[in-house]
Amino acid sequence: MEAIRLYIEEGWSNRKIMGHLGIPDRRRIPIWIRKFKQLGEFGLLDQRGRREEYIDKDRYLQKLERENSMLKKCLKIWIQEVSKRSTKPLRN
């Protein structure tokens, strides 16, 4: 994050950041900047071994919210059906 901050906020060059933070790979900083611009801080996390659906946290959160909404609607319908059945007289 410090490398990203120095680049974006302070306007430092990649070479200056590399020297200041002791980063040996000259390609690393542009990669971090690209990931940060695309996904924010989440893009800088180590994604090795993570499932694809968890990589984009906003997309995953939206999926969970849609599922939750659908389940609430299903529960409401189910409760209405059960209450209708319990108010009907029993047939023999």
Protein backbone atom coordinates (compact mmCIF):
# COMPACT_ATOMS: atom_id res chain seq x y z
CA MET A 1 0.00 0.00 0.00
CA GLU A 2 2.87 2.35 0.71
CA ALA A 3 4.18 1.92 -2.84
CA ILE A 4 0.72 2.68 -4.24
CA ARG A 5 0.34 5.71 -1.96
CA LEU A 6 3.72 7.11 -2.95
CA TYR A 7 2.90 6.67 -6.63
CA ILE A 8 -0.65 8.07 -6.58
CA GLU A 9 -0.56 10.69 -3.83
CA GLU A 10 3.06 11.81 -3.85
CA GLY A 11 3.72 11.36 -7.57
CA TRP A 12 6.92 9.39 -7.05
CA SER A 13 8.44 7.50 -9.98
CA ASN A 14 8.62 3.72 -9.98
CA ARG A 15 12.42 3.88 -9.73
CA LYS A 16 12.31 6.16 -6.68
CA ILE A 17 9.76 3.90 -4.97
CA MET A 18 11.85 0.82 -5.74
CA GLY A 19 14.89 2.40 -4.14
CA HIS A 20 13.02 3.75 -1.14
CA LEU A 21 11.19 0.49 -0.32
CA GLY A 22 13.87 -1.92 -1.54
CA ILE A 23 11.70 -3.57 -4.22
CA PRO A 24 14.03 -5.46 -6.62
CA ASP A 25 11.50 -6.27 -9.38
CA ARG A 26 10.90 -3.22 -11.62
CA ARG A 27 7.67 -4.75 -13.02
CA ARG A 28 6.08 -5.27 -9.60
CA ILE A 29 4.95 -1.67 -8.94
CA PRO A 30 3.03 -1.24 -12.24
CA ILE A 31 1.30 -4.57 -11.56
CA TRP A 32 0.29 -3.43 -8.06
CA ILE A 33 -0.97 -0.10 -9.41
CA ARG A 34 -3.05 -1.81 -12.12
CA LYS A 35 -4.58 -4.23 -9.59
CA PHE A 36 -5.28 -1.40 -7.15
CA LYS A 37 -7.03 0.67 -9.83
CA GLN A 38 -9.15 -2.30 -10.91
CA LEU A 39 -10.12 -3.79 -7.55
CA GLY A 40 -8.94 -1.42 -4.83
CA GLU A 41 -7.11 -2.83 -1.80
CA PHE A 42 -8.78 -6.20 -2.36
CA GLY A 43 -6.84 -6.51 -5.63
CA LEU A 44 -3.57 -6.47 -3.70
CA LEU A 45 -4.43 -9.53 -1.60
CA ASP A 46 -2.72 -12.81 -2.39
CA GLN A 47 -5.36 -14.64 -4.46
CA ARG A 48 -3.53 -17.96 -4.80
CA GLY A 49 -5.76 -20.86 -3.85
CA ARG A 50 -8.95 -18.77 -3.71
CA ARG A 51 -12.04 -19.74 -5.63
CA GLU A 52 -12.95 -17.53 -8.57
CA GLU A 53 -16.31 -16.48 -7.12
CA TYR A 54 -14.65 -14.96 -4.04
CA ILE A 55 -12.14 -12.82 -5.93
CA ASP A 56 -14.59 -10.02 -6.65
CA LYS A 57 -16.01 -9.34 -3.21
CA ASP A 58 -18.70 -6.93 -4.44
CA ARG A 59 -20.02 -9.42 -6.98
CA TYR A 60 -20.03 -12.17 -4.34
CA LEU A 61 -21.80 -9.92 -1.82
CA GLN A 62 -24.46 -9.01 -4.41
CA LYS A 63 -24.99 -12.71 -5.13
CA LEU A 64 -25.54 -13.39 -1.43
CA GLU A 65 -27.94 -10.45 -1.12
CA ARG A 66 -29.99 -11.75 -4.09
CA GLU A 67 -30.11 -15.23 -2.57
CA ASN A 68 -31.15 -13.80 0.79
CA SER A 69 -33.92 -11.74 -0.81
CA MET A 70 -35.20 -14.75 -2.73
CA LEU A 71 -35.21 -16.92 0.39
CA LYS A 72 -37.13 -14.26 2.33
CA LYS A 73 -39.78 -14.16 -0.42
CA CYS A 74 -40.01 -17.96 -0.43
CA LEU A 75 -40.38 -18.01 3.35
CA LYS A 76 -43.16 -15.41 3.19
CA ILE A 77 -45.06 -17.47 0.59
CA TRP A 78 -44.54 -20.66 2.58
CA ILE A 79 -45.86 -19.01 5.78
CA GLN A 80 -48.94 -17.80 3.89
CA GLU A 81 -49.58 -21.30 2.52
CA VAL A 82 -49.21 -22.90 5.95
CA SER A 83 -51.54 -20.35 7.56
CA LYS A 84 -54.17 -20.97 4.83
CA ARG A 85 -54.04 -24.71 5.48
CA SER A 86 -54.31 -24.33 9.23
CA THR A 87 -57.42 -22.11 8.98
CA LYS A 88 -59.29 -24.52 6.68
CA PRO A 89 -61.57 -27.03 8.42
CA LEU A 90 -60.47 -30.65 8.27
CA ARG A 91 -62.35 -32.95 5.87
CA ASN A 92 -63.23 -36.49 6.84
